[in-house]
Amino acid sequence: MPGLDKWQGDVAPILESARVAGADPSELKYTHFSVRVSQSRRMPLYSAVNIDGSHSDRDTERTDVWRFDPRIDQRFQIMREVYGNDRDGFFSRGHMTRREDPNWGDDPTTTEADADTFHVTNAAPQRQRFNAGIWLDLENYVLSNTDRENMRVAVITGPIFSEDDPEYFEVKVPIAFWKIVVFRNSGTQQLTSIAYKRSQATFLPKATRSTFNFGNFQDTQVPVTGLEEEIGLDLSVYADLDVLKGADRRMEIALEDVSQIYLQA
């Protein structure tokens, strides 16, 4: 799990009545994934999932019932405010841990995992058309390049929070999102990490979009050290595994296709 670093005082605590002795007081554990929530933004700081690709069940029936997590105060969760019909300028609930990712093992585990991803603690506002392309294909691409004897991948996903984020329906909406994927590379057999960013700037309502400077690229691969600096979390555990280790932390590699992602140094 990433360290909280500058977010240490902002993470939503688990209620005393729901805490487990000896467990982290801010880690919301679900089936095969965990989440930490920002109090000030009422969204996940990040969601971290373990995927066992050799035992995945991609046919698990979609639960599609969003719910609060009773273990933390509802004040730190968003159920409706900014969510609704895209045509009316509202946003979709974008899964941070994808619905399919923790769905591995046998039923009822897969059903429980699917249902767990529909907690609002695992969602952030995303325009409907944003959640596609490389963002959608990335994990499948990495799995296809993973050692077949060890098809296990860890994925950490979250919003990039900025004070300049625009406000919709009294909610500050993150413009960009990030992923770190950790896997054992099939070519080098080494434990490897890659970091990736995606912007939803071009999908925002034009009247608001024009007042912000979002950068030039929608999809980029970035050094873990640069991402760490931008999001304010401690990612040092992944930095040593990064295929871009040693690169200028400000570097961004523009991507047009998932096959352009560097999986080896």
C-alpha atoms as a PDB file:
ATOM      1  CA  MET A   1       0.000   0.000   0.000  1.00  0.00           C
ATOM      2  CA  PRO A   2       1.277   3.523  -0.766  1.00  0.00           C
ATOM      3  CA  GLY A   3       2.282   5.620   2.221  1.00  0.00           C
ATOM      4  CA  LEU A   4       0.000   8.527   3.097  1.00  0.00           C
ATOM      5  CA  ASP A   5       2.761  11.150   3.230  1.00  0.00           C
ATOM      6  CA  LYS A   6       1.080  14.599   2.965  1.00  0.00           C
ATOM      7  CA  TRP A   7      -2.399  13.042   3.219  1.00  0.00           C
ATOM      8  CA  GLN A   8      -1.736  11.626   6.681  1.00  0.00           C
ATOM      9  CA  GLY A   9      -4.106  14.066   8.402  1.00  0.00           C
ATOM     10  CA  ASP A  10      -6.806  13.856   5.731  1.00  0.00           C
ATOM     11  CA  VAL A  11      -7.516  10.139   5.486  1.00  0.00           C
ATOM     12  CA  ALA A  12     -10.988   9.114   6.690  1.00  0.00           C
ATOM     13  CA  PRO A  13     -10.764   6.930   9.815  1.00  0.00           C
ATOM     14  CA  ILE A  14     -12.720   3.746  10.307  1.00  0.00           C
ATOM     15  CA  LEU A  15     -15.343   4.242  13.015  1.00  0.00           C
ATOM     16  CA  GLU A  16     -14.353   2.888  16.425  1.00  0.00           C
ATOM     17  CA  SER A  17     -17.277   0.449  16.355  1.00  0.00           C
ATOM     18  CA  ALA A  18     -16.038  -1.067  13.069  1.00  0.00           C
ATOM     19  CA  ARG A  19     -12.319  -1.299  13.814  1.00  0.00           C
ATOM     20  CA  VAL A  20     -10.511  -4.612  14.035  1.00  0.00           C
ATOM     21  CA  ALA A  21      -7.855  -4.966  16.716  1.00  0.00           C
ATOM     22  CA  GLY A  22      -4.379  -4.591  15.268  1.00  0.00           C
ATOM     23  CA  ALA A  23      -5.644  -3.538  11.821  1.00  0.00           C
ATOM     24  CA  ASP A  24      -4.841  -0.268  10.073  1.00  0.00           C
ATOM     25  CA  PRO A  25      -7.478   2.277  11.230  1.00  0.00           C
ATOM     26  CA  SER A  26      -7.888   3.808   7.750  1.00  0.00           C
ATOM     27  CA  GLU A  27      -7.585   0.821   5.394  1.00  0.00           C
ATOM     28  CA  LEU A  28     -11.006  -0.282   4.132  1.00  0.00           C
ATOM     29  CA  LYS A  29     -10.485  -3.939   3.277  1.00  0.00           C
ATOM     30  CA  TYR A  30     -12.740  -5.545   0.681  1.00  0.00           C
ATOM     31  CA  THR A  31     -12.541  -8.845  -1.187  1.00  0.00           C
ATOM     32  CA  HIS A  32      -9.086  -8.800  -2.842  1.00  0.00           C
ATOM     33  CA  PHE A  33      -8.713  -4.998  -2.696  1.00  0.00           C
ATOM     34  CA  SER A  34      -8.345  -2.109  -0.245  1.00  0.00           C
ATOM     35  CA  VAL A  35      -9.236   1.601  -0.271  1.00  0.00           C
ATOM     36  CA  ARG A  36      -8.232   4.705   1.638  1.00  0.00           C
ATOM     37  CA  VAL A  37     -10.567   7.716   1.457  1.00  0.00           C
ATOM     38  CA  SER A  38      -9.831  11.447   1.564  1.00  0.00           C
ATOM     39  CA  GLN A  39     -11.999  13.309   4.051  1.00  0.00           C
ATOM     40  CA  SER A  40     -11.681  16.659   2.284  1.00  0.00           C
ATOM     41  CA  ARG A  41     -12.454  15.328  -1.210  1.00  0.00           C
ATOM     42  CA  ARG A  42     -14.838  12.519  -0.151  1.00  0.00           C
ATOM     43  CA  MET A  43     -13.266  10.191  -2.709  1.00  0.00           C
ATOM     44  CA  PRO A  44     -10.628   7.477  -2.615  1.00  0.00           C
ATOM     45  CA  LEU A  45      -7.032   8.590  -2.250  1.00  0.00           C
ATOM     46  CA  TYR A  46      -6.392   5.282  -3.967  1.00  0.00           C
ATOM     47  CA  SER A  47      -7.764   1.789  -4.403  1.00  0.00           C
ATOM     48  CA  ALA A  48      -5.325  -1.141  -4.513  1.00  0.00           C
ATOM     49  CA  VAL A  49      -6.233  -4.569  -5.913  1.00  0.00           C
ATOM     50  CA  ASN A  50      -4.512  -7.916  -6.318  1.00  0.00           C
ATOM     51  CA  ILE A  51      -5.411  -9.769  -9.535  1.00  0.00           C
ATOM     52  CA  ASP A  52      -4.862 -13.488 -10.046  1.00  0.00           C
ATOM     53  CA  GLY A  53      -5.203 -13.689 -13.807  1.00  0.00           C
ATOM     54  CA  SER A  54      -5.047 -17.473 -13.874  1.00  0.00           C
ATOM     55  CA  HIS A  55      -8.194 -17.713 -11.731  1.00  0.00           C
ATOM     56  CA  SER A  56     -10.160 -14.684 -12.955  1.00  0.00           C
ATOM     57  CA  ASP A  57     -13.880 -15.020 -13.595  1.00  0.00           C
ATOM     58  CA  ARG A  58     -14.770 -12.271 -16.079  1.00  0.00           C
ATOM     59  CA  ASP A  59     -18.314 -13.643 -16.382  1.00  0.00           C
ATOM     60  CA  THR A  60     -19.361 -12.796 -12.831  1.00  0.00           C
ATOM     61  CA  GLU A  61     -22.781 -11.145 -12.989  1.00  0.00           C
ATOM     62  CA  ARG A  62     -22.628  -7.382 -12.562  1.00  0.00           C
ATOM     63  CA  THR A  63     -24.008  -6.278  -9.178  1.00  0.00           C
ATOM     64  CA  ASP A  64     -24.629  -2.646 -10.169  1.00  0.00           C
ATOM     65  CA  VAL A  65     -25.967  -1.577  -6.754  1.00  0.00           C
ATOM     66  CA  TRP A  66     -24.032   1.370  -5.323  1.00  0.00           C
ATOM     67  CA  ARG A  67     -23.921   1.704  -1.543  1.00  0.00           C
ATOM     68  CA  PHE A  68     -22.248   3.531   1.311  1.00  0.00           C
ATOM     69  CA  ASP A  69     -19.602   1.819   3.406  1.00  0.00           C
ATOM     70  CA  PRO A  70     -20.938   1.860   6.978  1.00  0.00           C
ATOM     71  CA  ARG A  71     -17.412   1.605   8.418  1.00  0.00           C
ATOM     72  CA  ILE A  72     -16.655   5.289   7.789  1.00  0.00           C
ATOM     73  CA  ASP A  73     -18.755   8.413   8.287  1.00  0.00           C
ATOM     74  CA  GLN A  74     -21.163   9.102   5.403  1.00  0.00           C
ATOM     75  CA  ARG A  75     -19.968  12.721   5.420  1.00  0.00           C
ATOM     76  CA  PHE A  76     -16.848  11.470   3.658  1.00  0.00           C
ATOM     77  CA  GLN A  77     -18.722   9.627   0.891  1.00  0.00           C
ATOM     78  CA  ILE A  78     -20.531  10.837  -2.242  1.00  0.00           C
ATOM     79  CA  MET A  79     -23.605   8.923  -3.326  1.00  0.00           C
ATOM     80  CA  ARG A  80     -25.450  11.349  -5.612  1.00  0.00           C
ATOM     81  CA  GLU A  81     -24.475  15.049  -5.728  1.00  0.00           C
ATOM     82  CA  VAL A  82     -22.368  15.008  -8.892  1.00  0.00           C
ATOM     83  CA  TYR A  83     -23.596  11.722 -10.368  1.00  0.00           C
ATOM     84  CA  GLY A  84     -26.368  11.387 -12.916  1.00  0.00           C
ATOM     85  CA  ASN A  85     -27.241  11.590 -16.609  1.00  0.00           C
ATOM     86  CA  ASP A  86     -24.287  12.517 -18.825  1.00  0.00           C
ATOM     87  CA  ARG A  87     -26.546  14.563 -21.139  1.00  0.00           C
ATOM     88  CA  ASP A  88     -27.391  16.835 -18.216  1.00  0.00           C
ATOM     89  CA  GLY A  89     -23.726  17.483 -17.434  1.00  0.00           C
ATOM     90  CA  PHE A  90     -23.480  14.962 -14.611  1.00  0.00           C
ATOM     91  CA  PHE A  91     -20.758  12.351 -14.124  1.00  0.00           C
ATOM     92  CA  SER A  92     -20.633   8.579 -13.884  1.00  0.00           C
ATOM     93  CA  ARG A  93     -19.343   6.748 -10.835  1.00  0.00           C
ATOM     94  CA  GLY A  94     -15.965   5.666 -12.134  1.00  0.00           C
ATOM     95  CA  HIS A  95     -14.609   2.544 -10.492  1.00  0.00           C
ATOM     96  CA  MET A  96     -11.071   2.965  -9.203  1.00  0.00           C
ATOM     97  CA  THR A  97     -10.569  -0.784  -8.757  1.00  0.00           C
ATOM     98  CA  ARG A  98     -12.272  -2.136 -11.869  1.00  0.00           C
ATOM     99  CA  ARG A  99     -15.308  -4.299 -11.318  1.00  0.00           C
ATOM    100  CA  GLU A 100     -13.708  -7.355 -12.950  1.00  0.00           C
ATOM    101  CA  ASP A 101     -10.295  -7.184 -11.291  1.00  0.00           C
ATOM    102  CA  PRO A 102     -10.992  -8.727  -7.862  1.00  0.00           C
ATOM    103  CA  ASN A 103     -13.372 -11.309  -9.350  1.00  0.00           C
ATOM    104  CA  TRP A 104     -11.098 -14.317  -9.058  1.00  0.00           C
ATOM    105  CA  GLY A 105     -11.439 -17.580  -7.190  1.00  0.00           C
ATOM    106  CA  ASP A 106     -14.668 -19.477  -6.714  1.00  0.00           C
ATOM    107  CA  ASP A 107     -18.207 -18.323  -6.120  1.00  0.00           C
ATOM    108  CA  PRO A 108     -19.380 -16.867  -3.720  1.00  0.00           C
ATOM    109  CA  THR A 109     -16.004 -15.074  -3.487  1.00  0.00           C
ATOM    110  CA  THR A 110     -16.298 -13.632  -7.001  1.00  0.00           C
ATOM    111  CA  THR A 111     -19.838 -12.410  -6.349  1.00  0.00           C
ATOM    112  CA  GLU A 112     -18.747 -10.767  -3.091  1.00  0.00           C
ATOM    113  CA  ALA A 113     -15.764  -9.137  -4.817  1.00  0.00           C
ATOM    114  CA  ASP A 114     -17.962  -7.726  -7.580  1.00  0.00           C
ATOM    115  CA  ALA A 115     -20.453  -6.326  -5.069  1.00  0.00           C
ATOM    116  CA  ASP A 116     -17.636  -4.778  -3.015  1.00  0.00           C
ATOM    117  CA  THR A 117     -16.447  -2.702  -5.986  1.00  0.00           C
ATOM    118  CA  PHE A 118     -19.812  -0.917  -5.946  1.00  0.00           C
ATOM    119  CA  HIS A 119     -19.121   0.855  -2.663  1.00  0.00           C
ATOM    120  CA  VAL A 120     -18.982   4.608  -3.321  1.00  0.00           C
ATOM    121  CA  THR A 121     -15.632   4.621  -1.505  1.00  0.00           C
ATOM    122  CA  ASN A 122     -14.262   2.982  -4.665  1.00  0.00           C
ATOM    123  CA  ALA A 123     -15.623   5.618  -7.067  1.00  0.00           C
ATOM    124  CA  ALA A 124     -14.724   9.061  -8.385  1.00  0.00           C
ATOM    125  CA  PRO A 125     -16.562  11.291 -10.890  1.00  0.00           C
ATOM    126  CA  GLN A 126     -15.715  10.452 -14.488  1.00  0.00           C
ATOM    127  CA  ARG A 127     -17.366  11.462 -17.740  1.00  0.00           C
ATOM    128  CA  GLN A 128     -18.965   8.457 -19.402  1.00  0.00           C
ATOM    129  CA  ARG A 129     -16.714   8.485 -22.491  1.00  0.00           C
ATOM    130  CA  PHE A 130     -13.538   8.838 -20.423  1.00  0.00           C
ATOM    131  CA  ASN A 131     -13.487   5.320 -19.018  1.00  0.00           C
ATOM    132  CA  ALA A 132     -12.268   3.552 -22.166  1.00  0.00           C
ATOM    133  CA  GLY A 133      -9.240   3.339 -24.439  1.00  0.00           C
ATOM    134  CA  ILE A 134      -5.844   2.669 -22.907  1.00  0.00           C
ATOM    135  CA  TRP A 135      -7.263   3.124 -19.402  1.00  0.00           C
ATOM    136  CA  LEU A 136      -9.570   0.168 -20.016  1.00  0.00           C
ATOM    137  CA  ASP A 137      -7.029  -2.013 -21.835  1.00  0.00           C
ATOM    138  CA  LEU A 138      -3.952  -1.410 -19.694  1.00  0.00           C
ATOM    139  CA  GLU A 139      -4.370  -4.175 -17.149  1.00  0.00           C
ATOM    140  CA  ASN A 140      -5.321  -6.775 -19.758  1.00  0.00           C
ATOM    141  CA  TYR A 141      -2.246  -5.770 -21.773  1.00  0.00           C
ATOM    142  CA  VAL A 142       0.001  -6.189 -18.744  1.00  0.00           C
ATOM    143  CA  LEU A 143      -1.541  -9.558 -17.906  1.00  0.00           C
ATOM    144  CA  SER A 144      -0.811 -10.743 -21.448  1.00  0.00           C
ATOM    145  CA  ASN A 145       2.856  -9.849 -20.877  1.00  0.00           C
ATOM    146  CA  THR A 146       3.118 -11.513 -17.481  1.00  0.00           C
ATOM    147  CA  ASP A 147       4.864 -14.765 -16.679  1.00  0.00           C
ATOM    148  CA  ARG A 148       2.210 -17.450 -17.315  1.00  0.00           C
ATOM    149  CA  GLU A 149       3.306 -19.347 -14.228  1.00  0.00           C
ATOM    150  CA  ASN A 150       2.757 -16.278 -12.076  1.00  0.00           C
ATOM    151  CA  MET A 151      -0.141 -14.312 -13.579  1.00  0.00           C
ATOM    152  CA  ARG A 152      -0.485 -12.081 -10.573  1.00  0.00           C
ATOM    153  CA  VAL A 153      -0.716  -8.328 -10.869  1.00  0.00           C
ATOM    154  CA  ALA A 154      -1.151  -5.552  -8.312  1.00  0.00           C
ATOM    155  CA  VAL A 155      -2.889  -2.372  -9.487  1.00  0.00           C
ATOM    156  CA  ILE A 156      -3.115   0.862  -7.511  1.00  0.00           C
ATOM    157  CA  THR A 157      -5.454   3.529  -8.923  1.00  0.00           C
ATOM    158  CA  GLY A 158      -6.515   6.970  -7.766  1.00  0.00           C
ATOM    159  CA  PRO A 159      -7.451  10.539  -8.681  1.00  0.00           C
ATOM    160  CA  ILE A 160      -4.911  13.339  -9.002  1.00  0.00           C
ATOM    161  CA  PHE A 161      -6.280  15.990  -6.647  1.00  0.00           C
ATOM    162  CA  SER A 162      -5.486  19.632  -7.351  1.00  0.00           C
ATOM    163  CA  GLU A 163      -6.682  22.887  -5.818  1.00  0.00           C
ATOM    164  CA  ASP A 164      -7.435  23.999  -9.383  1.00  0.00           C
ATOM    165  CA  ASP A 165      -9.905  21.173 -10.019  1.00  0.00           C
ATOM    166  CA  PRO A 166     -13.196  22.573 -11.382  1.00  0.00           C
ATOM    167  CA  GLU A 167     -16.373  22.372  -9.329  1.00  0.00           C
ATOM    168  CA  TYR A 168     -19.554  20.739 -10.578  1.00  0.00           C
ATOM    169  CA  PHE A 169     -22.698  20.466  -8.475  1.00  0.00           C
ATOM    170  CA  GLU A 170     -20.688  21.635  -5.440  1.00  0.00           C
ATOM    171  CA  VAL A 171     -18.130  18.845  -5.863  1.00  0.00           C
ATOM    172  CA  LYS A 172     -14.529  19.437  -6.958  1.00  0.00           C
ATOM    173  CA  VAL A 173     -13.962  16.963  -9.776  1.00  0.00           C
ATOM    174  CA  PRO A 174     -10.462  15.552 -10.426  1.00  0.00           C
ATOM    175  CA  ILE A 175      -9.255  16.189 -13.950  1.00  0.00           C
ATOM    176  CA  ALA A 176      -6.726  13.365 -14.077  1.00  0.00           C
ATOM    177  CA  PHE A 177      -6.242   9.866 -12.698  1.00  0.00           C
ATOM    178  CA  TRP A 178      -3.260   7.573 -12.197  1.00  0.00           C
ATOM    179  CA  LYS A 179      -2.417   3.890 -12.103  1.00  0.00           C
ATOM    180  CA  ILE A 180       0.594   1.925 -10.981  1.00  0.00           C
ATOM    181  CA  VAL A 181       0.763  -1.676 -12.164  1.00  0.00           C
ATOM    182  CA  VAL A 182       3.185  -4.175 -10.590  1.00  0.00           C
ATOM    183  CA  PHE A 183       3.866  -7.520 -12.274  1.00  0.00           C
ATOM    184  CA  ARG A 184       6.537 -10.104 -13.010  1.00  0.00           C
ATOM    185  CA  ASN A 185       7.702  -9.395 -16.541  1.00  0.00           C
ATOM    186  CA  SER A 186       7.573 -12.401 -18.865  1.00  0.00           C
ATOM    187  CA  GLY A 187      10.706 -11.262 -20.700  1.00  0.00           C
ATOM    188  CA  THR A 188      13.018 -10.351 -17.839  1.00  0.00           C
ATOM    189  CA  GLN A 189      11.344 -12.429 -15.089  1.00  0.00           C
ATOM    190  CA  GLN A 190      11.846  -9.375 -12.869  1.00  0.00           C
ATOM    191  CA  LEU A 191       9.284  -7.758 -10.610  1.00  0.00           C
ATOM    192  CA  THR A 192       8.368  -4.594 -12.507  1.00  0.00           C
ATOM    193  CA  SER A 193       6.234  -1.480 -12.089  1.00  0.00           C
ATOM    194  CA  ILE A 194       4.839   1.039 -14.546  1.00  0.00           C
ATOM    195  CA  ALA A 195       3.050   4.319 -13.845  1.00  0.00           C
ATOM    196  CA  TYR A 196       0.380   5.841 -16.056  1.00  0.00           C
ATOM    197  CA  LYS A 197      -1.812   8.954 -16.116  1.00  0.00           C
ATOM    198  CA  ARG A 198      -5.030   9.737 -17.971  1.00  0.00           C
ATOM    199  CA  SER A 199      -6.793  13.104 -18.270  1.00  0.00           C
ATOM    200  CA  GLN A 200     -10.519  13.584 -18.726  1.00  0.00           C
ATOM    201  CA  ALA A 201     -10.105  17.268 -19.643  1.00  0.00           C
ATOM    202  CA  THR A 202     -11.323  16.834 -23.215  1.00  0.00           C
ATOM    203  CA  PHE A 203     -14.504  15.160 -21.994  1.00  0.00           C
ATOM    204  CA  LEU A 204     -15.564  18.012 -19.701  1.00  0.00           C
ATOM    205  CA  PRO A 205     -18.283  20.492 -20.700  1.00  0.00           C
ATOM    206  CA  LYS A 206     -16.612  22.936 -23.090  1.00  0.00           C
ATOM    207  CA  ALA A 207     -17.722  26.088 -21.286  1.00  0.00           C
ATOM    208  CA  THR A 208     -15.803  25.044 -18.184  1.00  0.00           C
ATOM    209  CA  ARG A 209     -12.967  23.208 -19.892  1.00  0.00           C
ATOM    210  CA  SER A 210     -11.697  26.317 -21.668  1.00  0.00           C
ATOM    211  CA  THR A 211     -10.853  28.054 -18.380  1.00  0.00           C
ATOM    212  CA  PHE A 212      -8.297  25.445 -17.301  1.00  0.00           C
ATOM    213  CA  ASN A 213      -4.863  24.420 -18.521  1.00  0.00           C
ATOM    214  CA  PHE A 214      -4.693  20.637 -18.523  1.00  0.00           C
ATOM    215  CA  GLY A 215      -1.553  19.905 -20.522  1.00  0.00           C
ATOM    216  CA  ASN A 216      -1.186  18.455 -23.969  1.00  0.00           C
ATOM    217  CA  PHE A 217      -1.746  14.735 -23.590  1.00  0.00           C
ATOM    218  CA  GLN A 218      -4.679  12.550 -22.611  1.00  0.00           C
ATOM    219  CA  ASP A 219      -2.651   9.370 -21.914  1.00  0.00           C
ATOM    220  CA  THR A 220       0.938   9.279 -20.669  1.00  0.00           C
ATOM    221  CA  GLN A 221       3.405   6.888 -19.081  1.00  0.00           C
ATOM    222  CA  VAL A 222       5.386   8.642 -16.358  1.00  0.00           C
ATOM    223  CA  PRO A 223       8.180   7.850 -13.880  1.00  0.00           C
ATOM    224  CA  VAL A 224       6.900   6.705 -10.489  1.00  0.00           C
ATOM    225  CA  THR A 225       9.035   9.397  -8.836  1.00  0.00           C
ATOM    226  CA  GLY A 226       7.313  12.127 -10.834  1.00  0.00           C
ATOM    227  CA  LEU A 227       3.885  10.736 -10.034  1.00  0.00           C
ATOM    228  CA  GLU A 228       4.811  10.554  -6.352  1.00  0.00           C
ATOM    229  CA  GLU A 229       5.682  14.243  -6.357  1.00  0.00           C
ATOM    230  CA  GLU A 230       2.428  15.152  -8.097  1.00  0.00           C
ATOM    231  CA  ILE A 231      -0.023  13.185  -5.967  1.00  0.00           C
ATOM    232  CA  GLY A 232       1.642  13.527  -2.558  1.00  0.00           C
ATOM    233  CA  LEU A 233       1.699   9.827  -1.646  1.00  0.00           C
ATOM    234  CA  ASP A 234       4.752   7.752  -0.735  1.00  0.00           C
ATOM    235  CA  LEU A 235       5.364   5.473  -3.732  1.00  0.00           C
ATOM    236  CA  SER A 236       8.947   4.569  -2.906  1.00  0.00           C
ATOM    237  CA  VAL A 237       8.150   0.851  -2.712  1.00  0.00           C
ATOM    238  CA  TYR A 238       7.299   0.955  -6.443  1.00  0.00           C
ATOM    239  CA  ALA A 239       9.997   3.396  -7.584  1.00  0.00           C
ATOM    240  CA  ASP A 240      12.823   0.851  -7.433  1.00  0.00           C
ATOM    241  CA  LEU A 241      10.830  -1.485  -9.713  1.00  0.00           C
ATOM    242  CA  ASP A 242       9.947   1.191 -12.270  1.00  0.00           C
ATOM    243  CA  VAL A 243      10.882   0.594 -15.925  1.00  0.00           C
ATOM    244  CA  LEU A 244      11.560   4.357 -16.105  1.00  0.00           C
ATOM    245  CA  LYS A 245      13.758   4.384 -13.006  1.00  0.00           C
ATOM    246  CA  GLY A 246      16.425   7.061 -13.352  1.00  0.00           C
ATOM    247  CA  ALA A 247      14.482   9.098 -15.905  1.00  0.00           C
ATOM    248  CA  ASP A 248      13.765  12.788 -15.384  1.00  0.00           C
ATOM    249  CA  ARG A 249      10.782  12.829 -13.055  1.00  0.00           C
ATOM    250  CA  ARG A 250       9.117  15.460 -15.234  1.00  0.00           C
ATOM    251  CA  MET A 251       9.159  13.202 -18.288  1.00  0.00           C
ATOM    252  CA  GLU A 252       5.844  12.154 -19.834  1.00  0.00           C
ATOM    253  CA  ILE A 253       5.606   9.695 -22.722  1.00  0.00           C
ATOM    254  CA  ALA A 254       2.536  10.411 -24.831  1.00  0.00           C
ATOM    255  CA  LEU A 255       0.550   7.279 -25.681  1.00  0.00           C
ATOM    256  CA  GLU A 256      -1.913   6.639 -28.465  1.00  0.00           C
ATOM    257  CA  ASP A 257      -2.157   2.880 -28.061  1.00  0.00           C
ATOM    258  CA  VAL A 258      -1.669   0.446 -25.201  1.00  0.00           C
ATOM    259  CA  SER A 259       1.102  -1.362 -27.122  1.00  0.00           C
ATOM    260  CA  GLN A 260       3.274   1.793 -26.846  1.00  0.00           C
ATOM    261  CA  ILE A 261       3.642   1.366 -23.078  1.00  0.00           C
ATOM    262  CA  TYR A 262       7.186   0.542 -21.963  1.00  0.00           C
ATOM    263  CA  LEU A 263       7.186  -2.741 -20.031  1.00  0.00           C
ATOM    264  CA  GLN A 264      10.954  -3.099 -19.877  1.00  0.00           C
ATOM    265  CA  ALA A 265      13.758  -0.663 -19.082  1.00  0.00           C
END
